[in-house]
Amino acid sequence: MSDSPLSIAASITGLLTFVAAVMAGFYAHALGLRDAVDTQAEISSALDKIYLLETETDMLNNAYLASLIRQPDRKYGTGDFKYFQGLYVQSLERMRVMDRELRTSAELVTKGDGYGRISRVKRKAAWMASRARIQRDIDERKTESIRIFQIQLAMLSAGMMKLPPTPPSPILSAPFPDRLKINNHAEISATPSQYHTPSKTSEPTPLISLPLRGEG
């Protein structure tokens, strides 16, 4: 007994539904992989930025501590230099606090174990929950770097203003030795012994005849 048209249509519909479900599953899996790659790249980029900012803070802090060791009596300076150095210390402390907050936020996303031991779903959920805040904190931290650089320029300018005036160099200020004064052409006195001009009445030089090629 042959199948009825209704059963054939139902079989075809079921087969198409199965194929569509399989394709939808592959598509969802591909989207999940793409989102996972993007999430991992964003987290890696954020961690690199945080590491660079921490390195910058460590360098500035080490330079500041070294200056205190070299010149302990000039901890706060005087005048404008004292004011700008106080701003520098405050800005440096803010940078330390911001770095600690960024590191704490990054550890909440990665759980301190990097990427391998965290499930893809958990990592993505944690990153999406704190992504905007971490990016905002990174931007604020970069702004503080610009601010402390401007404070350093102000400290340098204030320090240069307090320097005593530099005395003129003895080499550059020494007078040049008196040079021989060259008189005008009208005042130059010349004698025949100094300036020799050929006499118009001098006898011509005798010519020496050379033997021709055919002779001798």
N, C-alpha and C. Protein backbone atom coordinates (compact mmCIF):
# COMPACT_ATOMS: atom_id res chain seq x y z
N MET A 1 0.85 -1.19 0.00
CA MET A 1 0.00 0.00 0.00
C MET A 1 0.89 1.24 0.00
N SER A 2 0.65 2.10 -0.94
CA SER A 2 1.48 3.30 -1.08
C SER A 2 1.11 4.33 -0.04
N ASP A 3 2.13 5.15 0.28
CA ASP A 3 1.88 6.21 1.27
C ASP A 3 0.98 7.27 0.67
N SER A 4 0.20 7.82 1.53
CA SER A 4 -0.70 8.89 1.09
C SER A 4 0.07 10.19 0.93
N PRO A 5 -0.44 11.09 0.14
CA PRO A 5 0.24 12.39 -0.02
C PRO A 5 0.41 13.13 1.30
N LEU A 6 -0.49 12.94 2.22
CA LEU A 6 -0.40 13.63 3.50
C LEU A 6 0.80 13.14 4.31
N SER A 7 1.00 11.81 4.30
CA SER A 7 2.15 11.27 5.04
C SER A 7 3.48 11.66 4.40
N ILE A 8 3.48 11.71 3.07
CA ILE A 8 4.70 12.14 2.38
C ILE A 8 5.04 13.59 2.73
N ALA A 9 4.03 14.44 2.74
CA ALA A 9 4.25 15.85 3.09
C ALA A 9 4.72 15.99 4.52
N ALA A 10 4.16 15.17 5.41
CA ALA A 10 4.59 15.22 6.81
C ALA A 10 6.04 14.78 6.96
N SER A 11 6.44 13.76 6.20
CA SER A 11 7.82 13.29 6.27
C SER A 11 8.79 14.36 5.76
N ILE A 12 8.41 14.98 4.65
CA ILE A 12 9.28 16.03 4.10
C ILE A 12 9.38 17.21 5.07
N THR A 13 8.25 17.55 5.68
CA THR A 13 8.25 18.65 6.65
C THR A 13 9.14 18.33 7.85
N GLY A 14 9.05 17.11 8.34
CA GLY A 14 9.88 16.71 9.47
C GLY A 14 11.36 16.72 9.12
N LEU A 15 11.67 16.25 7.89
CA LEU A 15 13.07 16.26 7.47
C LEU A 15 13.62 17.68 7.36
N LEU A 16 12.82 18.58 6.78
CA LEU A 16 13.25 19.97 6.66
C LEU A 16 13.40 20.62 8.03
N THR A 17 12.50 20.27 8.94
CA THR A 17 12.61 20.82 10.30
C THR A 17 13.89 20.36 10.98
N PHE A 18 14.23 19.08 10.78
CA PHE A 18 15.46 18.56 11.37
C PHE A 18 16.69 19.26 10.80
N VAL A 19 16.70 19.43 9.45
CA VAL A 19 17.84 20.12 8.82
C VAL A 19 17.95 21.56 9.31
N ALA A 20 16.82 22.25 9.44
CA ALA A 20 16.83 23.63 9.92
C ALA A 20 17.33 23.71 11.36
N ALA A 21 16.94 22.73 12.17
CA ALA A 21 17.40 22.73 13.56
C ALA A 21 18.90 22.51 13.64
N VAL A 22 19.42 21.60 12.79
CA VAL A 22 20.86 21.36 12.79
C VAL A 22 21.62 22.61 12.35
N MET A 23 21.13 23.26 11.30
CA MET A 23 21.79 24.48 10.81
C MET A 23 21.73 25.59 11.85
N ALA A 24 20.58 25.70 12.53
CA ALA A 24 20.47 26.72 13.58
C ALA A 24 21.44 26.45 14.72
N GLY A 25 21.63 25.15 15.04
CA GLY A 25 22.59 24.80 16.08
C GLY A 25 24.01 25.16 15.70
N PHE A 26 24.39 24.87 14.45
CA PHE A 26 25.73 25.24 13.99
C PHE A 26 25.92 26.75 13.99
N TYR A 27 24.88 27.47 13.57
CA TYR A 27 24.96 28.93 13.52
C TYR A 27 25.13 29.51 14.93
N ALA A 28 24.36 28.97 15.88
CA ALA A 28 24.48 29.45 17.26
C ALA A 28 25.86 29.12 17.83
N HIS A 29 26.38 27.94 17.48
CA HIS A 29 27.72 27.58 17.95
C HIS A 29 28.79 28.50 17.36
N ALA A 30 28.64 28.84 16.08
CA ALA A 30 29.60 29.75 15.45
C ALA A 30 29.54 31.13 16.09
N LEU A 31 28.33 31.61 16.37
CA LEU A 31 28.21 32.91 17.03
C LEU A 31 28.83 32.87 18.43
N GLY A 32 28.64 31.76 19.13
CA GLY A 32 29.24 31.64 20.45
C GLY A 32 30.75 31.65 20.40
N LEU A 33 31.32 30.97 19.41
CA LEU A 33 32.78 30.97 19.27
C LEU A 33 33.30 32.37 18.94
N ARG A 34 32.59 33.07 18.06
CA ARG A 34 33.03 34.42 17.69
C ARG A 34 32.97 35.36 18.90
N ASP A 35 31.88 35.27 19.66
CA ASP A 35 31.76 36.11 20.85
C ASP A 35 32.83 35.75 21.88
N ALA A 36 33.13 34.46 21.97
CA ALA A 36 34.16 34.04 22.93
C ALA A 36 35.52 34.59 22.54
N VAL A 37 35.84 34.57 21.24
CA VAL A 37 37.11 35.12 20.78
C VAL A 37 37.18 36.62 21.03
N ASP A 38 36.08 37.34 20.73
CA ASP A 38 36.05 38.77 20.96
C ASP A 38 36.19 39.09 22.45
N THR A 39 35.51 38.33 23.28
CA THR A 39 35.60 38.56 24.72
C THR A 39 37.01 38.32 25.23
N GLN A 40 37.63 37.26 24.78
CA GLN A 40 39.00 36.97 25.21
C GLN A 40 39.96 38.06 24.75
N ALA A 41 39.78 38.55 23.52
CA ALA A 41 40.65 39.61 23.01
C ALA A 41 40.47 40.90 23.81
N GLU A 42 39.23 41.23 24.15
CA GLU A 42 38.98 42.44 24.93
C GLU A 42 39.58 42.33 26.33
N ILE A 43 39.43 41.17 26.95
CA ILE A 43 40.01 40.99 28.28
C ILE A 43 41.53 41.07 28.23
N SER A 44 42.13 40.44 27.22
CA SER A 44 43.58 40.49 27.08
C SER A 44 44.08 41.91 26.86
N SER A 45 43.35 42.68 26.03
CA SER A 45 43.74 44.07 25.80
C SER A 45 43.63 44.90 27.08
N ALA A 46 42.56 44.68 27.84
CA ALA A 46 42.40 45.42 29.09
C ALA A 46 43.50 45.08 30.09
N LEU A 47 43.87 43.80 30.17
CA LEU A 47 44.94 43.40 31.09
C LEU A 47 46.28 44.00 30.69
N ASP A 48 46.54 44.08 29.37
CA ASP A 48 47.79 44.70 28.90
C ASP A 48 47.84 46.18 29.28
N LYS A 49 46.72 46.88 29.11
CA LYS A 49 46.68 48.30 29.47
C LYS A 49 46.90 48.48 30.98
N ILE A 50 46.28 47.63 31.78
CA ILE A 50 46.45 47.73 33.23
C ILE A 50 47.90 47.48 33.61
N TYR A 51 48.53 46.51 32.97
CA TYR A 51 49.93 46.21 33.27
C TYR A 51 50.84 47.40 32.92
N LEU A 52 50.60 48.03 31.78
CA LEU A 52 51.42 49.18 31.39
C LEU A 52 51.22 50.35 32.35
N LEU A 53 50.00 50.57 32.78
CA LEU A 53 49.75 51.65 33.73
C LEU A 53 50.42 51.37 35.07
N GLU A 54 50.39 50.13 35.52
CA GLU A 54 51.09 49.78 36.76
C GLU A 54 52.60 49.97 36.63
N THR A 55 53.14 49.62 35.47
CA THR A 55 54.58 49.83 35.24
C THR A 55 54.94 51.31 35.28
N GLU A 56 54.10 52.14 34.69
CA GLU A 56 54.34 53.59 34.71
C GLU A 56 54.33 54.12 36.15
N THR A 57 53.37 53.68 36.94
CA THR A 57 53.30 54.12 38.33
C THR A 57 54.53 53.69 39.12
N ASP A 58 54.98 52.47 38.91
CA ASP A 58 56.18 51.99 39.61
C ASP A 58 57.41 52.82 39.24
N MET A 59 57.55 53.16 37.96
CA MET A 59 58.70 53.96 37.53
C MET A 59 58.68 55.35 38.16
N LEU A 60 57.51 56.00 38.15
CA LEU A 60 57.41 57.33 38.75
C LEU A 60 57.63 57.28 40.26
N ASN A 61 57.10 56.25 40.90
CA ASN A 61 57.26 56.13 42.34
C ASN A 61 58.73 55.88 42.71
N ASN A 62 59.41 55.04 41.94
CA ASN A 62 60.83 54.77 42.21
C ASN A 62 61.67 56.02 42.00
N ALA A 63 61.36 56.79 40.96
CA ALA A 63 62.11 58.03 40.72
C ALA A 63 61.88 59.03 41.85
N TYR A 64 60.66 59.11 42.34
CA TYR A 64 60.36 60.04 43.44
C TYR A 64 61.09 59.62 44.71
N LEU A 65 61.06 58.34 45.04
CA LEU A 65 61.76 57.87 46.24
C LEU A 65 63.27 58.06 46.11
N ALA A 66 63.80 57.87 44.91
CA ALA A 66 65.24 58.08 44.71
C ALA A 66 65.62 59.54 44.92
N SER A 67 64.75 60.46 44.48
CA SER A 67 65.05 61.88 44.70
C SER A 67 65.02 62.23 46.18
N LEU A 68 64.14 61.59 46.95
CA LEU A 68 64.11 61.85 48.40
C LEU A 68 65.36 61.32 49.08
N ILE A 69 65.88 60.21 48.58
CA ILE A 69 67.10 59.65 49.17
C ILE A 69 68.31 60.52 48.84
N ARG A 70 68.37 61.00 47.59
CA ARG A 70 69.52 61.83 47.19
C ARG A 70 69.50 63.18 47.88
N GLN A 71 68.31 63.76 48.04
CA GLN A 71 68.20 65.10 48.62
C GLN A 71 67.13 65.08 49.72
N PRO A 72 67.44 64.51 50.88
CA PRO A 72 66.42 64.42 51.94
C PRO A 72 66.00 65.77 52.50
N ASP A 73 66.86 66.77 52.43
CA ASP A 73 66.53 68.09 52.98
C ASP A 73 65.62 68.89 52.07
N ARG A 74 65.45 68.46 50.84
CA ARG A 74 64.61 69.19 49.88
C ARG A 74 63.35 68.40 49.57
N LYS A 75 62.74 67.88 50.62
CA LYS A 75 61.57 67.03 50.40
C LYS A 75 60.41 67.82 49.80
N TYR A 76 60.22 69.04 50.28
CA TYR A 76 59.11 69.83 49.78
C TYR A 76 59.56 71.10 49.07
N GLY A 77 60.83 71.40 49.08
CA GLY A 77 61.31 72.56 48.36
C GLY A 77 60.77 73.85 48.96
N THR A 78 60.76 74.88 48.15
CA THR A 78 60.25 76.18 48.57
C THR A 78 59.51 76.82 47.42
N GLY A 79 58.64 77.77 47.75
CA GLY A 79 57.96 78.54 46.72
C GLY A 79 57.07 77.69 45.82
N ASP A 80 57.09 78.04 44.54
CA ASP A 80 56.27 77.32 43.56
C ASP A 80 56.66 75.85 43.46
N PHE A 81 57.94 75.58 43.60
CA PHE A 81 58.38 74.18 43.52
C PHE A 81 57.73 73.35 44.63
N LYS A 82 57.61 73.91 45.81
CA LYS A 82 56.96 73.20 46.92
C LYS A 82 55.50 72.92 46.59
N TYR A 83 54.81 73.89 46.01
CA TYR A 83 53.39 73.71 45.67
C TYR A 83 53.21 72.61 44.63
N PHE A 84 53.99 72.66 43.57
CA PHE A 84 53.84 71.66 42.51
C PHE A 84 54.30 70.28 42.97
N GLN A 85 55.28 70.23 43.85
CA GLN A 85 55.71 68.93 44.35
C GLN A 85 54.63 68.30 45.23
N GLY A 86 53.89 69.13 45.97
CA GLY A 86 52.76 68.61 46.73
C GLY A 86 51.69 68.03 45.82
N LEU A 87 51.40 68.72 44.70
CA LEU A 87 50.45 68.19 43.72
C LEU A 87 50.96 66.89 43.10
N TYR A 88 52.26 66.81 42.90
CA TYR A 88 52.85 65.59 42.32
C TYR A 88 52.66 64.40 43.25
N VAL A 89 52.87 64.60 44.55
CA VAL A 89 52.70 63.51 45.51
C VAL A 89 51.24 63.06 45.55
N GLN A 90 50.31 64.01 45.53
CA GLN A 90 48.89 63.65 45.54
C GLN A 90 48.49 62.89 44.28
N SER A 91 48.96 63.35 43.14
CA SER A 91 48.64 62.66 41.88
C SER A 91 49.24 61.26 41.85
N LEU A 92 50.44 61.11 42.36
CA LEU A 92 51.07 59.79 42.40
C LEU A 92 50.30 58.83 43.30
N GLU A 93 49.79 59.33 44.41
CA GLU A 93 48.99 58.49 45.30
C GLU A 93 47.68 58.08 44.63
N ARG A 94 47.05 59.00 43.90
CA ARG A 94 45.82 58.64 43.17
C ARG A 94 46.10 57.57 42.13
N MET A 95 47.24 57.65 41.48
CA MET A 95 47.59 56.63 40.48
C MET A 95 47.74 55.26 41.14
N ARG A 96 48.33 55.21 42.32
CA ARG A 96 48.46 53.92 43.02
C ARG A 96 47.08 53.34 43.36
N VAL A 97 46.18 54.20 43.84
CA VAL A 97 44.84 53.73 44.20
C VAL A 97 44.10 53.23 42.96
N MET A 98 44.19 53.97 41.86
CA MET A 98 43.52 53.55 40.63
C MET A 98 44.07 52.23 40.12
N ASP A 99 45.37 52.05 40.21
CA ASP A 99 45.97 50.79 39.76
C ASP A 99 45.47 49.61 40.58
N ARG A 100 45.35 49.80 41.88
CA ARG A 100 44.85 48.71 42.73
C ARG A 100 43.40 48.38 42.40
N GLU A 101 42.59 49.40 42.14
CA GLU A 101 41.19 49.14 41.78
C GLU A 101 41.08 48.43 40.44
N LEU A 102 41.90 48.82 39.48
CA LEU A 102 41.88 48.15 38.18
C LEU A 102 42.32 46.69 38.30
N ARG A 103 43.35 46.45 39.08
CA ARG A 103 43.82 45.07 39.26
C ARG A 103 42.75 44.22 39.95
N THR A 104 42.04 44.78 40.92
CA THR A 104 40.97 44.04 41.59
C THR A 104 39.84 43.72 40.62
N SER A 105 39.47 44.69 39.78
CA SER A 105 38.41 44.45 38.80
C SER A 105 38.82 43.39 37.79
N ALA A 106 40.08 43.41 37.37
CA ALA A 106 40.55 42.40 36.42
C ALA A 106 40.56 41.01 37.04
N GLU A 107 40.90 40.91 38.31
CA GLU A 107 40.91 39.60 38.96
C GLU A 107 39.50 39.06 39.16
N LEU A 108 38.52 39.95 39.30
CA LEU A 108 37.14 39.48 39.39
C LEU A 108 36.67 38.86 38.08
N VAL A 109 37.19 39.37 36.97
CA VAL A 109 36.81 38.81 35.66
C VAL A 109 37.53 37.51 35.40
N THR A 110 38.83 37.48 35.64
CA THR A 110 39.63 36.29 35.33
C THR A 110 39.72 35.32 36.51
N LYS A 111 39.26 35.72 37.68
CA LYS A 111 39.33 34.89 38.89
C LYS A 111 40.76 34.55 39.27
N GLY A 112 41.71 35.33 38.78
CA GLY A 112 43.09 35.11 39.15
C GLY A 112 43.76 33.94 38.47
N ASP A 113 43.06 33.22 37.60
CA ASP A 113 43.63 32.03 36.96
C ASP A 113 43.74 32.18 35.45
N GLY A 114 43.68 33.38 34.93
CA GLY A 114 43.77 33.55 33.48
C GLY A 114 42.50 33.11 32.79
N TYR A 115 42.65 32.50 31.61
CA TYR A 115 41.49 32.14 30.80
C TYR A 115 41.20 30.64 30.81
N GLY A 116 42.20 29.82 30.99
CA GLY A 116 42.02 28.39 30.75
C GLY A 116 41.05 27.72 31.70
N ARG A 117 41.02 28.10 32.97
CA ARG A 117 40.23 27.39 33.97
C ARG A 117 38.86 28.01 34.22
N ILE A 118 38.49 28.96 33.43
CA ILE A 118 37.19 29.61 33.61
C ILE A 118 36.32 29.24 32.43
N SER A 119 35.11 28.88 32.69
CA SER A 119 34.23 28.51 31.59
C SER A 119 33.95 29.73 30.72
N ARG A 120 33.62 29.44 29.48
CA ARG A 120 33.40 30.51 28.52
C ARG A 120 32.21 31.37 28.91
N VAL A 121 31.18 30.76 29.40
CA VAL A 121 29.98 31.51 29.76
C VAL A 121 30.22 32.39 30.98
N LYS A 122 30.89 31.86 31.99
CA LYS A 122 31.16 32.64 33.19
C LYS A 122 32.07 33.83 32.89
N ARG A 123 33.08 33.58 32.08
CA ARG A 123 34.01 34.66 31.76
C ARG A 123 33.32 35.78 30.99
N LYS A 124 32.49 35.39 30.03
CA LYS A 124 31.79 36.40 29.24
C LYS A 124 30.81 37.18 30.11
N ALA A 125 30.10 36.49 30.99
CA ALA A 125 29.14 37.18 31.86
C ALA A 125 29.86 38.15 32.80
N ALA A 126 30.98 37.72 33.36
CA ALA A 126 31.72 38.60 34.27
C ALA A 126 32.28 39.81 33.54
N TRP A 127 32.76 39.60 32.31
CA TRP A 127 33.32 40.70 31.55
C TRP A 127 32.24 41.70 31.13
N MET A 128 31.10 41.21 30.66
CA MET A 128 30.04 42.10 30.24
C MET A 128 29.49 42.89 31.42
N ALA A 129 29.54 42.32 32.62
CA ALA A 129 29.03 43.03 33.79
C ALA A 129 29.95 44.17 34.23
N SER A 130 31.23 44.03 34.00
CA SER A 130 32.20 45.04 34.47
C SER A 130 32.97 45.71 33.34
N ARG A 131 32.58 45.45 32.10
CA ARG A 131 33.34 45.98 30.96
C ARG A 131 33.34 47.50 30.93
N ALA A 132 32.15 48.10 31.03
CA ALA A 132 32.05 49.56 30.94
C ALA A 132 32.81 50.23 32.09
N ARG A 133 32.71 49.66 33.27
CA ARG A 133 33.39 50.26 34.43
C ARG A 133 34.90 50.16 34.29
N ILE A 134 35.41 49.03 33.82
CA ILE A 134 36.86 48.88 33.67
C ILE A 134 37.39 49.83 32.61
N GLN A 135 36.69 49.95 31.48
CA GLN A 135 37.13 50.88 30.44
C GLN A 135 37.11 52.32 30.94
N ARG A 136 36.10 52.67 31.72
CA ARG A 136 36.04 54.02 32.28
C ARG A 136 37.19 54.26 33.25
N ASP A 137 37.48 53.27 34.09
CA ASP A 137 38.60 53.42 35.03
C ASP A 137 39.94 53.53 34.30
N ILE A 138 40.11 52.81 33.21
CA ILE A 138 41.35 52.91 32.43
C ILE A 138 41.50 54.30 31.83
N ASP A 139 40.39 54.86 31.31
CA ASP A 139 40.45 56.21 30.74
C ASP A 139 40.78 57.25 31.82
N GLU A 140 40.19 57.10 33.01
CA GLU A 140 40.50 58.04 34.09
C GLU A 140 41.96 57.91 34.53
N ARG A 141 42.46 56.70 34.52
CA ARG A 141 43.86 56.50 34.90
C ARG A 141 44.80 57.14 33.87
N LYS A 142 44.47 57.05 32.58
CA LYS A 142 45.28 57.70 31.55
C LYS A 142 45.23 59.21 31.71
N THR A 143 44.08 59.74 32.07
CA THR A 143 43.97 61.18 32.30
C THR A 143 44.88 61.63 33.44
N GLU A 144 44.98 60.81 34.48
CA GLU A 144 45.87 61.13 35.59
C GLU A 144 47.34 61.12 35.16
N SER A 145 47.68 60.24 34.21
CA SER A 145 49.05 60.23 33.67
C SER A 145 49.37 61.55 32.97
N ILE A 146 48.41 62.05 32.20
CA ILE A 146 48.61 63.34 31.53
C ILE A 146 48.76 64.46 32.56
N ARG A 147 47.97 64.39 33.60
CA ARG A 147 48.02 65.43 34.64
C ARG A 147 49.37 65.44 35.36
N ILE A 148 49.87 64.27 35.71
CA ILE A 148 51.15 64.24 36.43
C ILE A 148 52.30 64.66 35.52
N PHE A 149 52.17 64.43 34.21
CA PHE A 149 53.20 64.91 33.28
C PHE A 149 53.21 66.44 33.24
N GLN A 150 52.03 67.06 33.25
CA GLN A 150 51.97 68.52 33.28
C GLN A 150 52.53 69.07 34.59
N ILE A 151 52.30 68.36 35.69
CA ILE A 151 52.87 68.79 36.97
C ILE A 151 54.40 68.71 36.93
N GLN A 152 54.93 67.68 36.30
CA GLN A 152 56.38 67.56 36.17
C GLN A 152 56.96 68.72 35.38
N LEU A 153 56.29 69.12 34.31
CA LEU A 153 56.76 70.28 33.54
C LEU A 153 56.73 71.55 34.38
N ALA A 154 55.67 71.72 35.19
CA ALA A 154 55.59 72.89 36.05
C ALA A 154 56.70 72.87 37.11
N MET A 155 57.00 71.70 37.66
CA MET A 155 58.10 71.59 38.63
C MET A 155 59.43 71.93 37.99
N LEU A 156 59.63 71.46 36.77
CA LEU A 156 60.88 71.77 36.07
C LEU A 156 61.01 73.26 35.82
N SER A 157 59.91 73.90 35.41
CA SER A 157 59.95 75.34 35.16
C SER A 157 60.21 76.11 36.45
N ALA A 158 59.55 75.69 37.55
CA ALA A 158 59.76 76.37 38.83
C ALA A 158 61.19 76.17 39.33
N GLY A 159 61.75 74.99 39.12
CA GLY A 159 63.13 74.76 39.54
C GLY A 159 64.13 75.58 38.75
N MET A 160 63.87 75.75 37.46
CA MET A 160 64.77 76.55 36.63
C MET A 160 64.69 78.03 36.99
N MET A 161 63.51 78.50 37.41
CA MET A 161 63.39 79.91 37.80
C MET A 161 64.18 80.22 39.07
N LYS A 162 64.41 79.22 39.92
CA LYS A 162 65.15 79.45 41.16
C LYS A 162 66.66 79.34 40.98
N LEU A 163 67.10 78.89 39.83
CA LEU A 163 68.53 78.78 39.60
C LEU A 163 69.17 80.16 39.50
N PRO A 164 70.39 80.35 40.02
CA PRO A 164 71.06 81.65 39.89
C PRO A 164 71.41 81.90 38.43
N PRO A 165 71.50 83.17 38.05
CA PRO A 165 71.86 83.46 36.66
C PRO A 165 73.24 82.92 36.31
N THR A 166 73.35 82.39 35.16
CA THR A 166 74.62 81.81 34.72
C THR A 166 75.59 82.91 34.33
N PRO A 167 76.80 82.95 34.91
CA PRO A 167 77.77 83.99 34.53
C PRO A 167 78.21 83.78 33.09
N PRO A 168 78.60 84.86 32.44
CA PRO A 168 79.05 84.72 31.06
C PRO A 168 80.31 83.87 30.96
N SER A 169 80.42 83.16 29.91
CA SER A 169 81.57 82.28 29.71
C SER A 169 82.83 83.12 29.49
N PRO A 170 83.94 82.78 30.20
CA PRO A 170 85.17 83.57 30.01
C PRO A 170 85.73 83.44 28.60
N ILE A 171 85.43 82.34 27.96
CA ILE A 171 85.95 82.15 26.60
C ILE A 171 85.20 83.02 25.62
N LEU A 172 83.84 83.04 25.78
CA LEU A 172 83.05 83.82 24.84
C LEU A 172 83.14 85.31 25.11
N SER A 173 83.35 85.69 26.39
CA SER A 173 83.39 87.11 26.71
C SER A 173 84.77 87.73 26.55
N ALA A 174 85.82 86.94 26.33
CA ALA A 174 87.17 87.49 26.18
C ALA A 174 87.25 88.29 24.89
N PRO A 175 87.91 89.49 24.93
CA PRO A 175 88.01 90.29 23.69
C PRO A 175 88.95 89.63 22.70
N PHE A 176 88.62 89.78 21.46
CA PHE A 176 89.48 89.24 20.41
C PHE A 176 90.74 90.09 20.30
N PRO A 177 91.86 89.50 19.96
CA PRO A 177 93.09 90.30 19.78
C PRO A 177 92.90 91.31 18.66
N ASP A 178 93.59 92.44 18.88
CA ASP A 178 93.48 93.51 17.89
C ASP A 178 93.99 93.03 16.54
N ARG A 179 93.15 93.21 15.59
CA ARG A 179 93.53 92.83 14.24
C ARG A 179 94.19 94.02 13.54
N LEU A 180 95.02 93.69 12.60
CA LEU A 180 95.66 94.75 11.82
C LEU A 180 94.62 95.50 11.03
N LYS A 181 94.66 96.80 11.20
CA LYS A 181 93.70 97.62 10.49
C LYS A 181 94.14 97.79 9.05
N ILE A 182 93.23 97.46 8.17
CA ILE A 182 93.53 97.57 6.74
C ILE A 182 93.09 98.94 6.27
N ASN A 183 94.04 99.70 5.75
CA ASN A 183 93.73 101.04 5.28
C ASN A 183 93.03 100.99 3.93
N ASN A 184 92.51 102.11 3.57
CA ASN A 184 91.89 102.21 2.26
C ASN A 184 92.96 102.16 1.18
N HIS A 185 92.52 101.87 -0.03
CA HIS A 185 93.46 101.78 -1.15
C HIS A 185 94.18 103.11 -1.37
N ALA A 186 93.50 104.19 -1.08
CA ALA A 186 94.12 105.49 -1.32
C ALA A 186 95.24 105.77 -0.33
N GLU A 187 95.23 105.11 0.82
CA GLU A 187 96.22 105.38 1.85
C GLU A 187 97.37 104.39 1.82
N ILE A 188 97.30 103.37 0.96
CA ILE A 188 98.36 102.37 0.92
C ILE A 188 99.58 102.98 0.23
N SER A 189 100.70 102.96 0.91
CA SER A 189 101.95 103.47 0.33
C SER A 189 102.76 102.29 -0.16
N ALA A 190 103.05 102.25 -1.39
CA ALA A 190 103.79 101.14 -1.98
C ALA A 190 105.08 101.65 -2.57
N THR A 191 106.11 100.85 -2.51
CA THR A 191 107.41 101.16 -3.09
C THR A 191 107.69 100.16 -4.20
N PRO A 192 108.58 100.49 -5.14
CA PRO A 192 108.89 99.56 -6.23
C PRO A 192 109.39 98.22 -5.74
N SER A 193 110.04 98.18 -4.57
CA SER A 193 110.54 96.90 -4.09
C SER A 193 109.41 95.99 -3.61
N GLN A 194 108.31 96.62 -3.20
CA GLN A 194 107.19 95.82 -2.73
C GLN A 194 106.28 95.37 -3.86
N TYR A 195 106.06 96.21 -4.81
CA TYR A 195 105.18 95.89 -5.94
C TYR A 195 106.00 96.00 -7.21
N HIS A 196 106.30 94.92 -7.88
CA HIS A 196 107.12 94.88 -9.08
C HIS A 196 106.21 94.79 -10.29
N THR A 197 106.43 95.72 -11.19
CA THR A 197 105.71 95.70 -12.47
C THR A 197 106.73 95.62 -13.58
N PRO A 198 106.51 94.81 -14.57
CA PRO A 198 107.49 94.69 -15.67
C PRO A 198 107.64 96.00 -16.42
N SER A 199 108.84 96.32 -16.78
CA SER A 199 109.13 97.57 -17.50
C SER A 199 108.69 97.43 -18.94
N LYS A 200 108.13 98.51 -19.45
CA LYS A 200 107.69 98.49 -20.84
C LYS A 200 108.87 98.50 -21.80
N THR A 201 110.05 99.01 -21.36
CA THR A 201 111.21 99.11 -22.25
C THR A 201 112.12 97.90 -22.14
N SER A 202 111.73 96.89 -21.43
CA SER A 202 112.61 95.72 -21.29
C SER A 202 112.73 95.01 -22.62
N GLU A 203 113.92 94.43 -22.89
CA GLU A 203 114.20 93.78 -24.17
C GLU A 203 113.45 92.47 -24.27
N PRO A 204 113.02 92.14 -25.50
CA PRO A 204 112.30 90.87 -25.68
C PRO A 204 113.24 89.69 -25.46
N THR A 205 112.69 88.60 -25.03
CA THR A 205 113.46 87.39 -24.76
C THR A 205 113.85 86.75 -26.08
N PRO A 206 115.18 86.43 -26.30
CA PRO A 206 115.59 85.83 -27.59
C PRO A 206 115.00 84.45 -27.75
N LEU A 207 114.64 84.11 -29.00
CA LEU A 207 114.06 82.81 -29.31
C LEU A 207 115.16 81.82 -29.61
N ILE A 208 115.03 80.59 -29.20
CA ILE A 208 116.01 79.53 -29.44
C ILE A 208 115.46 78.65 -30.54
N SER A 209 116.25 78.51 -31.61
CA SER A 209 115.80 77.69 -32.74
C SER A 209 116.06 76.23 -32.43
N LEU A 210 115.05 75.40 -32.66
CA LEU A 210 115.15 73.96 -32.43
C LEU A 210 115.43 73.26 -33.74
N PRO A 211 116.22 72.19 -33.76
CA PRO A 211 116.50 71.47 -35.01
C PRO A 211 115.25 70.79 -35.52
N LEU A 212 115.12 70.79 -36.85
CA LEU A 212 113.97 70.12 -37.46
C LEU A 212 114.17 68.62 -37.43
N ARG A 213 113.07 67.88 -37.71
CA ARG A 213 113.10 66.42 -37.62
C ARG A 213 113.98 65.84 -38.73
N GLY A 214 114.03 66.47 -39.91
CA GLY A 214 114.80 65.91 -41.02
C GLY A 214 116.28 66.16 -40.91
N GLU A 215 116.70 67.08 -40.09
CA GLU A 215 118.10 67.44 -40.02
C GLU A 215 118.84 66.51 -39.07
N GLY A 216 120.13 66.33 -39.42
CA GLY A 216 121.07 65.61 -38.56
C GLY A 216 120.64 64.22 -38.32
